[in-house]
Amino acid sequence: MLRQTVTSLLESPTPKVDASRWRALLLPHAGHSYSGAVCGIGVASVAWPKTILLLGPNHRGSGAPAALSDATAWRTPLGNLPTSRRLVAALAAEAPGLELDAAAHAKEHALEVILPFLQVVRPDAEIACVSIGQPDFSLCEEIGLAAATAIASLEGEGERVAIVVSSDLSHYLPKKENGKKDERAITAVLEGDPRELFERVLVRERISMCGILPATALLVALKHLPACKPSLLAHRDSSDAGGDPSGVVGYAAIRWTESS
């Protein structure tokens, strides 16, 4: 049933960007019935490399402020998705603030909702999973720099690495108001300034974008990797899938493709 659902959500006419040309995707993580169509648009828009770094939020606040999963594999109803031990080791070596910690991931859905999509499109994928729960720009910066360094190291040995950020957008406002908040967050993401994104969403405009911390870390990483151009692939909200328009959650799929 899950495989059938995910496969149906991946039916997209969008031409795929080659695995060697794209770097990152921001994808939503609500239930598949609400955000799955947007997630599917993003996932189906690219060909996937074998190694994938997933950055997500910590909704519950459990475990380490920044947690790197030390599991050997993640299990979904579609089977096990093995961990890239090389990528995990490289990240741990570069970021002292990134703790090997299972508690932060144990009951967190933000990454696991996306994993079945990866299992369908790239059955031999290997992953590294990071959860960020402390709203500290310096911590996001440390993780972003570590990600860029680790990725550069692996790619220097011929192993392409993609990054996935798991984030929904504004939460539980009326559709029109929520959409305006979404647009402010999306604009900041597309502009590519990690400090501006962090401060606009968390400090000045109080936008309830749950993946603000991993998105900030991603923008830091992108500044230290080959130049990329962002593209907004889809933007919808929960009312588009039948939810109550008086209180919606926003979803977007954003892709970064290398400029040259």
C-alpha atoms as a PDB file:
ATOM      1  CA  MET A   1       0.000   0.000   0.000  1.00  0.00           C
ATOM      2  CA  LEU A   2       2.757   2.480   0.928  1.00  0.00           C
ATOM      3  CA  ARG A   3       4.770   1.683  -2.188  1.00  0.00           C
ATOM      4  CA  GLN A   4       1.676   2.138  -4.337  1.00  0.00           C
ATOM      5  CA  THR A   5       0.909   5.490  -2.677  1.00  0.00           C
ATOM      6  CA  VAL A   6       4.438   6.802  -3.077  1.00  0.00           C
ATOM      7  CA  THR A   7       4.694   5.593  -6.671  1.00  0.00           C
ATOM      8  CA  SER A   8       1.464   7.391  -7.555  1.00  0.00           C
ATOM      9  CA  LEU A   9       2.799  10.603  -5.994  1.00  0.00           C
ATOM     10  CA  LEU A  10       5.945  10.362  -8.117  1.00  0.00           C
ATOM     11  CA  GLU A  11       4.090  10.455 -11.416  1.00  0.00           C
ATOM     12  CA  SER A  12       5.366  13.714 -12.854  1.00  0.00           C
ATOM     13  CA  PRO A  13       6.056  14.852 -16.429  1.00  0.00           C
ATOM     14  CA  THR A  14       8.889  17.124 -15.247  1.00  0.00           C
ATOM     15  CA  PRO A  15      12.210  16.287 -16.994  1.00  0.00           C
ATOM     16  CA  LYS A  16      14.711  14.916 -14.498  1.00  0.00           C
ATOM     17  CA  VAL A  17      17.855  16.873 -13.671  1.00  0.00           C
ATOM     18  CA  ASP A  18      20.897  14.602 -13.859  1.00  0.00           C
ATOM     19  CA  ALA A  19      22.336  13.489 -10.509  1.00  0.00           C
ATOM     20  CA  SER A  20      25.614  15.248 -11.295  1.00  0.00           C
ATOM     21  CA  ARG A  21      23.925  18.620 -11.838  1.00  0.00           C
ATOM     22  CA  TRP A  22      21.692  19.195  -8.830  1.00  0.00           C
ATOM     23  CA  ARG A  23      22.740  19.614  -5.222  1.00  0.00           C
ATOM     24  CA  ALA A  24      19.780  19.968  -2.850  1.00  0.00           C
ATOM     25  CA  LEU A  25      16.023  19.764  -2.357  1.00  0.00           C
ATOM     26  CA  LEU A  26      13.756  21.249   0.296  1.00  0.00           C
ATOM     27  CA  LEU A  27      10.764  18.935   0.745  1.00  0.00           C
ATOM     28  CA  PRO A  28       7.748  18.863   3.105  1.00  0.00           C
ATOM     29  CA  HIS A  29       7.112  16.209   5.742  1.00  0.00           C
ATOM     30  CA  ALA A  30       3.409  16.217   6.629  1.00  0.00           C
ATOM     31  CA  GLY A  31       1.312  13.101   6.071  1.00  0.00           C
ATOM     32  CA  HIS A  32       1.462  11.844   2.506  1.00  0.00           C
ATOM     33  CA  SER A  33      -2.231  12.654   1.978  1.00  0.00           C
ATOM     34  CA  TYR A  34      -1.504  16.345   2.593  1.00  0.00           C
ATOM     35  CA  SER A  35       2.063  17.114   1.490  1.00  0.00           C
ATOM     36  CA  GLY A  36       2.874  13.994  -0.523  1.00  0.00           C
ATOM     37  CA  ALA A  37       2.034  15.570  -3.872  1.00  0.00           C
ATOM     38  CA  VAL A  38       4.483  18.426  -3.282  1.00  0.00           C
ATOM     39  CA  CYS A  39       7.152  16.040  -2.004  1.00  0.00           C
ATOM     40  CA  GLY A  40       6.609  13.836  -5.050  1.00  0.00           C
ATOM     41  CA  ILE A  41       7.074  16.763  -7.432  1.00  0.00           C
ATOM     42  CA  GLY A  42      10.450  17.503  -5.884  1.00  0.00           C
ATOM     43  CA  VAL A  43      11.651  13.915  -5.692  1.00  0.00           C
ATOM     44  CA  ALA A  44      10.527  13.141  -9.259  1.00  0.00           C
ATOM     45  CA  SER A  45      12.268  16.205 -10.679  1.00  0.00           C
ATOM     46  CA  VAL A  46      15.760  14.718 -10.361  1.00  0.00           C
ATOM     47  CA  ALA A  47      17.831  11.613 -10.885  1.00  0.00           C
ATOM     48  CA  TRP A  48      19.248  10.549  -7.513  1.00  0.00           C
ATOM     49  CA  PRO A  49      22.833   9.806  -6.530  1.00  0.00           C
ATOM     50  CA  LYS A  50      23.408   6.916  -4.179  1.00  0.00           C
ATOM     51  CA  THR A  51      24.493   9.001  -1.163  1.00  0.00           C
ATOM     52  CA  ILE A  52      22.049  11.423   0.453  1.00  0.00           C
ATOM     53  CA  LEU A  53      22.391  13.729   3.459  1.00  0.00           C
ATOM     54  CA  LEU A  54      19.069  14.486   5.169  1.00  0.00           C
ATOM     55  CA  LEU A  55      18.733  17.523   7.446  1.00  0.00           C
ATOM     56  CA  GLY A  56      15.574  17.892   9.504  1.00  0.00           C
ATOM     57  CA  PRO A  57      14.075  19.639  12.531  1.00  0.00           C
ATOM     58  CA  ASN A  58      13.543  18.235  15.998  1.00  0.00           C
ATOM     59  CA  HIS A  59       9.851  18.842  16.726  1.00  0.00           C
ATOM     60  CA  ARG A  60       9.837  17.239  20.187  1.00  0.00           C
ATOM     61  CA  GLY A  61      13.063  18.651  21.588  1.00  0.00           C
ATOM     62  CA  SER A  62      14.310  15.201  22.637  1.00  0.00           C
ATOM     63  CA  GLY A  63      17.974  14.280  22.602  1.00  0.00           C
ATOM     64  CA  ALA A  64      20.940  16.356  21.522  1.00  0.00           C
ATOM     65  CA  PRO A  65      20.527  19.916  20.162  1.00  0.00           C
ATOM     66  CA  ALA A  66      22.151  18.702  16.939  1.00  0.00           C
ATOM     67  CA  ALA A  67      21.981  14.960  16.473  1.00  0.00           C
ATOM     68  CA  LEU A  68      23.613  12.712  13.901  1.00  0.00           C
ATOM     69  CA  SER A  69      21.954   9.318  13.721  1.00  0.00           C
ATOM     70  CA  ASP A  70      24.327   6.487  14.551  1.00  0.00           C
ATOM     71  CA  ALA A  71      21.900   3.798  13.329  1.00  0.00           C
ATOM     72  CA  THR A  72      23.309   1.342  10.798  1.00  0.00           C
ATOM     73  CA  ALA A  73      20.025   1.557   8.867  1.00  0.00           C
ATOM     74  CA  TRP A  74      16.578   3.170   8.982  1.00  0.00           C
ATOM     75  CA  ARG A  75      13.595   0.827   8.636  1.00  0.00           C
ATOM     76  CA  THR A  76      10.357   1.694   6.858  1.00  0.00           C
ATOM     77  CA  PRO A  77       7.544  -0.589   5.650  1.00  0.00           C
ATOM     78  CA  LEU A  78       9.499  -0.775   2.390  1.00  0.00           C
ATOM     79  CA  GLY A  79      12.557  -2.260   4.113  1.00  0.00           C
ATOM     80  CA  ASN A  80      15.883  -1.021   5.436  1.00  0.00           C
ATOM     81  CA  LEU A  81      17.658   2.070   4.151  1.00  0.00           C
ATOM     82  CA  PRO A  82      21.352   1.708   5.080  1.00  0.00           C
ATOM     83  CA  THR A  83      23.482   4.462   6.530  1.00  0.00           C
ATOM     84  CA  SER A  84      26.472   5.849   4.658  1.00  0.00           C
ATOM     85  CA  ARG A  85      29.140   5.191   7.259  1.00  0.00           C
ATOM     86  CA  ARG A  86      31.661   7.292   5.332  1.00  0.00           C
ATOM     87  CA  LEU A  87      29.409  10.339   5.299  1.00  0.00           C
ATOM     88  CA  VAL A  88      28.475   9.921   8.971  1.00  0.00           C
ATOM     89  CA  ALA A  89      32.145   9.661   9.938  1.00  0.00           C
ATOM     90  CA  ALA A  90      33.076  12.702   7.847  1.00  0.00           C
ATOM     91  CA  LEU A  91      30.281  14.812   9.394  1.00  0.00           C
ATOM     92  CA  ALA A  92      31.165  13.754  12.942  1.00  0.00           C
ATOM     93  CA  ALA A  93      34.825  14.621  12.368  1.00  0.00           C
ATOM     94  CA  GLU A  94      34.007  18.126  11.100  1.00  0.00           C
ATOM     95  CA  ALA A  95      31.339  19.272  13.597  1.00  0.00           C
ATOM     96  CA  PRO A  96      32.057  18.917  17.333  1.00  0.00           C
ATOM     97  CA  GLY A  97      28.556  20.241  18.074  1.00  0.00           C
ATOM     98  CA  LEU A  98      26.967  17.411  16.116  1.00  0.00           C
ATOM     99  CA  GLU A  99      26.456  14.529  18.555  1.00  0.00           C
ATOM    100  CA  LEU A 100      25.941  10.892  17.677  1.00  0.00           C
ATOM    101  CA  ASP A 101      22.543  10.516  19.297  1.00  0.00           C
ATOM    102  CA  ALA A 102      19.551   8.226  18.756  1.00  0.00           C
ATOM    103  CA  ALA A 103      17.100   9.925  21.131  1.00  0.00           C
ATOM    104  CA  ALA A 104      16.554  12.955  18.899  1.00  0.00           C
ATOM    105  CA  HIS A 105      15.525  10.691  16.021  1.00  0.00           C
ATOM    106  CA  ALA A 106      13.550   8.037  17.916  1.00  0.00           C
ATOM    107  CA  LYS A 107      10.094   9.647  17.677  1.00  0.00           C
ATOM    108  CA  GLU A 108      10.793  12.297  15.048  1.00  0.00           C
ATOM    109  CA  HIS A 109       8.842  12.042  11.768  1.00  0.00           C
ATOM    110  CA  ALA A 110      10.433  14.818   9.692  1.00  0.00           C
ATOM    111  CA  LEU A 111      12.968  12.613   7.909  1.00  0.00           C
ATOM    112  CA  GLU A 112      11.241   9.248   8.000  1.00  0.00           C
ATOM    113  CA  VAL A 113       8.214  10.550   6.038  1.00  0.00           C
ATOM    114  CA  ILE A 114      10.531  11.262   3.091  1.00  0.00           C
ATOM    115  CA  LEU A 115      12.469   7.992   3.194  1.00  0.00           C
ATOM    116  CA  PRO A 116       9.929   5.828   1.295  1.00  0.00           C
ATOM    117  CA  PHE A 117      10.194   8.225  -1.655  1.00  0.00           C
ATOM    118  CA  LEU A 118      13.958   7.660  -1.700  1.00  0.00           C
ATOM    119  CA  GLN A 119      13.524   3.897  -1.446  1.00  0.00           C
ATOM    120  CA  VAL A 120      11.276   3.888  -4.504  1.00  0.00           C
ATOM    121  CA  VAL A 121      13.441   6.119  -6.715  1.00  0.00           C
ATOM    122  CA  ARG A 122      16.851   4.864  -5.523  1.00  0.00           C
ATOM    123  CA  PRO A 123      16.571   1.408  -3.895  1.00  0.00           C
ATOM    124  CA  ASP A 124      20.328   1.213  -3.220  1.00  0.00           C
ATOM    125  CA  ALA A 125      20.519   4.644  -1.543  1.00  0.00           C
ATOM    126  CA  GLU A 126      22.643   5.238   1.542  1.00  0.00           C
ATOM    127  CA  ILE A 127      21.806   8.072   3.936  1.00  0.00           C
ATOM    128  CA  ALA A 128      23.094  10.189   6.798  1.00  0.00           C
ATOM    129  CA  CYS A 129      20.431  11.802   9.009  1.00  0.00           C
ATOM    130  CA  VAL A 130      20.850  15.000  11.047  1.00  0.00           C
ATOM    131  CA  SER A 131      18.266  16.550  13.362  1.00  0.00           C
ATOM    132  CA  ILE A 132      18.661  20.166  14.541  1.00  0.00           C
ATOM    133  CA  GLY A 133      16.593  21.433  17.463  1.00  0.00           C
ATOM    134  CA  GLN A 134      18.430  24.365  19.018  1.00  0.00           C
ATOM    135  CA  PRO A 135      17.680  27.789  17.473  1.00  0.00           C
ATOM    136  CA  ASP A 136      21.297  28.898  17.391  1.00  0.00           C
ATOM    137  CA  PHE A 137      22.696  30.412  14.198  1.00  0.00           C
ATOM    138  CA  SER A 138      26.261  29.443  15.089  1.00  0.00           C
ATOM    139  CA  LEU A 139      25.195  25.806  15.443  1.00  0.00           C
ATOM    140  CA  CYS A 140      23.470  25.884  12.044  1.00  0.00           C
ATOM    141  CA  GLU A 141      26.600  27.475  10.613  1.00  0.00           C
ATOM    142  CA  GLU A 142      28.808  24.771  12.097  1.00  0.00           C
ATOM    143  CA  ILE A 143      26.641  22.010  10.634  1.00  0.00           C
ATOM    144  CA  GLY A 144      26.458  23.715   7.245  1.00  0.00           C
ATOM    145  CA  LEU A 145      30.222  24.116   7.073  1.00  0.00           C
ATOM    146  CA  ALA A 146      30.726  20.508   8.179  1.00  0.00           C
ATOM    147  CA  ALA A 147      28.281  19.301   5.524  1.00  0.00           C
ATOM    148  CA  ALA A 148      30.088  21.231   2.797  1.00  0.00           C
ATOM    149  CA  THR A 149      33.493  19.915   3.889  1.00  0.00           C
ATOM    150  CA  ALA A 150      32.275  16.316   4.206  1.00  0.00           C
ATOM    151  CA  ILE A 151      30.566  16.444   0.825  1.00  0.00           C
ATOM    152  CA  ALA A 152      33.623  17.941  -0.863  1.00  0.00           C
ATOM    153  CA  SER A 153      35.749  15.175   0.634  1.00  0.00           C
ATOM    154  CA  LEU A 154      33.505  12.370  -0.599  1.00  0.00           C
ATOM    155  CA  GLU A 155      33.070  13.965  -4.003  1.00  0.00           C
ATOM    156  CA  GLY A 156      36.820  14.323  -4.301  1.00  0.00           C
ATOM    157  CA  GLU A 157      36.814  10.538  -4.281  1.00  0.00           C
ATOM    158  CA  GLY A 158      34.091  10.332  -6.908  1.00  0.00           C
ATOM    159  CA  GLU A 159      31.027   9.873  -4.681  1.00  0.00           C
ATOM    160  CA  ARG A 160      28.259  12.372  -5.493  1.00  0.00           C
ATOM    161  CA  VAL A 161      26.197  13.532  -2.478  1.00  0.00           C
ATOM    162  CA  ALA A 162      22.765  15.188  -2.504  1.00  0.00           C
ATOM    163  CA  ILE A 163      21.213  17.134   0.364  1.00  0.00           C
ATOM    164  CA  VAL A 164      17.563  16.970   1.409  1.00  0.00           C
ATOM    165  CA  VAL A 165      16.102  19.471   3.873  1.00  0.00           C
ATOM    166  CA  SER A 166      12.821  18.479   5.496  1.00  0.00           C
ATOM    167  CA  SER A 167      10.566  21.452   6.257  1.00  0.00           C
ATOM    168  CA  ASP A 168       6.958  22.507   6.209  1.00  0.00           C
ATOM    169  CA  LEU A 169       6.219  26.231   6.001  1.00  0.00           C
ATOM    170  CA  SER A 170       3.813  28.429   7.985  1.00  0.00           C
ATOM    171  CA  HIS A 171       1.354  26.651  10.287  1.00  0.00           C
ATOM    172  CA  TYR A 172      -2.319  26.984  11.197  1.00  0.00           C
ATOM    173  CA  LEU A 173      -3.231  30.453   9.922  1.00  0.00           C
ATOM    174  CA  PRO A 174      -6.125  31.181   7.523  1.00  0.00           C
ATOM    175  CA  LYS A 175      -5.196  30.316   3.946  1.00  0.00           C
ATOM    176  CA  LYS A 176      -4.553  33.850   2.675  1.00  0.00           C
ATOM    177  CA  GLU A 177      -2.542  34.953   5.722  1.00  0.00           C
ATOM    178  CA  ASN A 178      -0.619  31.698   5.783  1.00  0.00           C
ATOM    179  CA  GLY A 179       0.241  32.096   2.105  1.00  0.00           C
ATOM    180  CA  LYS A 180       1.730  35.535   2.726  1.00  0.00           C
ATOM    181  CA  LYS A 181       3.910  34.122   5.505  1.00  0.00           C
ATOM    182  CA  ASP A 182       4.949  31.268   3.214  1.00  0.00           C
ATOM    183  CA  GLU A 183       5.962  33.700   0.493  1.00  0.00           C
ATOM    184  CA  ARG A 184       8.190  35.631   2.879  1.00  0.00           C
ATOM    185  CA  ALA A 185       9.946  32.440   3.965  1.00  0.00           C
ATOM    186  CA  ILE A 186      10.257  31.099   0.416  1.00  0.00           C
ATOM    187  CA  THR A 187      11.692  34.402  -0.820  1.00  0.00           C
ATOM    188  CA  ALA A 188      14.343  34.320   1.896  1.00  0.00           C
ATOM    189  CA  VAL A 189      15.263  30.730   1.024  1.00  0.00           C
ATOM    190  CA  LEU A 190      15.554  31.581  -2.671  1.00  0.00           C
ATOM    191  CA  GLU A 191      17.690  34.645  -1.929  1.00  0.00           C
ATOM    192  CA  GLY A 192      20.227  32.324  -0.313  1.00  0.00           C
ATOM    193  CA  ASP A 193      21.367  34.401   2.675  1.00  0.00           C
ATOM    194  CA  PRO A 194      21.390  32.098   5.724  1.00  0.00           C
ATOM    195  CA  ARG A 195      21.530  34.909   8.301  1.00  0.00           C
ATOM    196  CA  GLU A 196      18.619  36.759   6.665  1.00  0.00           C
ATOM    197  CA  LEU A 197      16.527  33.579   6.513  1.00  0.00           C
ATOM    198  CA  PHE A 198      17.222  32.786  10.158  1.00  0.00           C
ATOM    199  CA  GLU A 199      16.434  36.278  11.414  1.00  0.00           C
ATOM    200  CA  ARG A 200      13.412  36.904   9.174  1.00  0.00           C
ATOM    201  CA  VAL A 201      11.714  33.646  10.142  1.00  0.00           C
ATOM    202  CA  LEU A 202      12.706  33.309  13.798  1.00  0.00           C
ATOM    203  CA  VAL A 203      13.278  36.861  14.997  1.00  0.00           C
ATOM    204  CA  ARG A 204      11.554  39.574  12.978  1.00  0.00           C
ATOM    205  CA  GLU A 205       8.493  37.972  11.396  1.00  0.00           C
ATOM    206  CA  ARG A 206       7.938  34.917  13.581  1.00  0.00           C
ATOM    207  CA  ILE A 207       7.079  32.562  10.727  1.00  0.00           C
ATOM    208  CA  SER A 208       6.288  29.059  11.954  1.00  0.00           C
ATOM    209  CA  MET A 209       8.509  27.301   9.403  1.00  0.00           C
ATOM    210  CA  CYS A 210       9.450  24.161  11.312  1.00  0.00           C
ATOM    211  CA  GLY A 211      12.560  23.372   9.273  1.00  0.00           C
ATOM    212  CA  ILE A 212      14.137  26.798   9.601  1.00  0.00           C
ATOM    213  CA  LEU A 213      17.256  25.400  11.306  1.00  0.00           C
ATOM    214  CA  PRO A 214      18.142  22.733   8.710  1.00  0.00           C
ATOM    215  CA  ALA A 215      17.257  25.196   5.940  1.00  0.00           C
ATOM    216  CA  THR A 216      19.688  27.705   7.444  1.00  0.00           C
ATOM    217  CA  ALA A 217      22.379  25.028   7.635  1.00  0.00           C
ATOM    218  CA  LEU A 218      21.750  24.173   3.985  1.00  0.00           C
ATOM    219  CA  LEU A 219      22.195  27.779   2.848  1.00  0.00           C
ATOM    220  CA  VAL A 220      25.487  27.909   4.759  1.00  0.00           C
ATOM    221  CA  ALA A 221      26.648  24.700   3.052  1.00  0.00           C
ATOM    222  CA  LEU A 222      25.695  25.981  -0.384  1.00  0.00           C
ATOM    223  CA  LYS A 223      27.962  28.989   0.046  1.00  0.00           C
ATOM    224  CA  HIS A 224      30.924  26.606   0.317  1.00  0.00           C
ATOM    225  CA  LEU A 225      30.006  24.279  -2.541  1.00  0.00           C
ATOM    226  CA  PRO A 226      29.892  24.916  -6.320  1.00  0.00           C
ATOM    227  CA  ALA A 227      27.429  27.718  -7.121  1.00  0.00           C
ATOM    228  CA  CYS A 228      23.792  26.678  -7.381  1.00  0.00           C
ATOM    229  CA  LYS A 229      20.603  28.269  -8.674  1.00  0.00           C
ATOM    230  CA  PRO A 230      17.376  27.672  -6.687  1.00  0.00           C
ATOM    231  CA  SER A 231      14.022  26.929  -8.323  1.00  0.00           C
ATOM    232  CA  LEU A 232      10.599  26.828  -6.664  1.00  0.00           C
ATOM    233  CA  LEU A 233       8.960  23.696  -8.069  1.00  0.00           C
ATOM    234  CA  ALA A 234       5.701  23.718  -6.117  1.00  0.00           C
ATOM    235  CA  HIS A 235       3.922  25.625  -3.344  1.00  0.00           C
ATOM    236  CA  ARG A 236       0.637  24.423  -1.891  1.00  0.00           C
ATOM    237  CA  ASP A 237      -1.062  24.089   1.487  1.00  0.00           C
ATOM    238  CA  SER A 238      -3.119  21.536   3.361  1.00  0.00           C
ATOM    239  CA  SER A 239      -6.434  22.976   2.139  1.00  0.00           C
ATOM    240  CA  ASP A 240      -5.444  22.033  -1.425  1.00  0.00           C
ATOM    241  CA  ALA A 241      -5.634  18.404  -0.261  1.00  0.00           C
ATOM    242  CA  GLY A 242      -8.986  18.827   1.465  1.00  0.00           C
ATOM    243  CA  GLY A 243      -7.933  20.383   4.767  1.00  0.00           C
ATOM    244  CA  ASP A 244      -9.700  23.215   6.554  1.00  0.00           C
ATOM    245  CA  PRO A 245      -8.827  26.563   4.870  1.00  0.00           C
ATOM    246  CA  SER A 246      -9.298  28.415   8.164  1.00  0.00           C
ATOM    247  CA  GLY A 247      -6.047  26.912   9.475  1.00  0.00           C
ATOM    248  CA  VAL A 248      -3.596  25.550   6.924  1.00  0.00           C
ATOM    249  CA  VAL A 249       0.017  24.346   6.744  1.00  0.00           C
ATOM    250  CA  GLY A 250       2.188  25.407   3.825  1.00  0.00           C
ATOM    251  CA  TYR A 251       4.356  23.083   1.732  1.00  0.00           C
ATOM    252  CA  ALA A 252       7.010  23.783  -0.876  1.00  0.00           C
ATOM    253  CA  ALA A 253       9.463  21.891  -3.044  1.00  0.00           C
ATOM    254  CA  ILE A 254      12.623  23.855  -3.864  1.00  0.00           C
ATOM    255  CA  ARG A 255      15.558  22.530  -5.890  1.00  0.00           C
ATOM    256  CA  TRP A 256      19.123  23.820  -6.178  1.00  0.00           C
ATOM    257  CA  THR A 257      20.893  23.060  -9.446  1.00  0.00           C
ATOM    258  CA  GLU A 258      24.549  23.757 -10.103  1.00  0.00           C
ATOM    259  CA  SER A 259      25.035  26.838 -12.260  1.00  0.00           C
ATOM    260  CA  SER A 260      27.668  25.408 -14.551  1.00  0.00           C
END
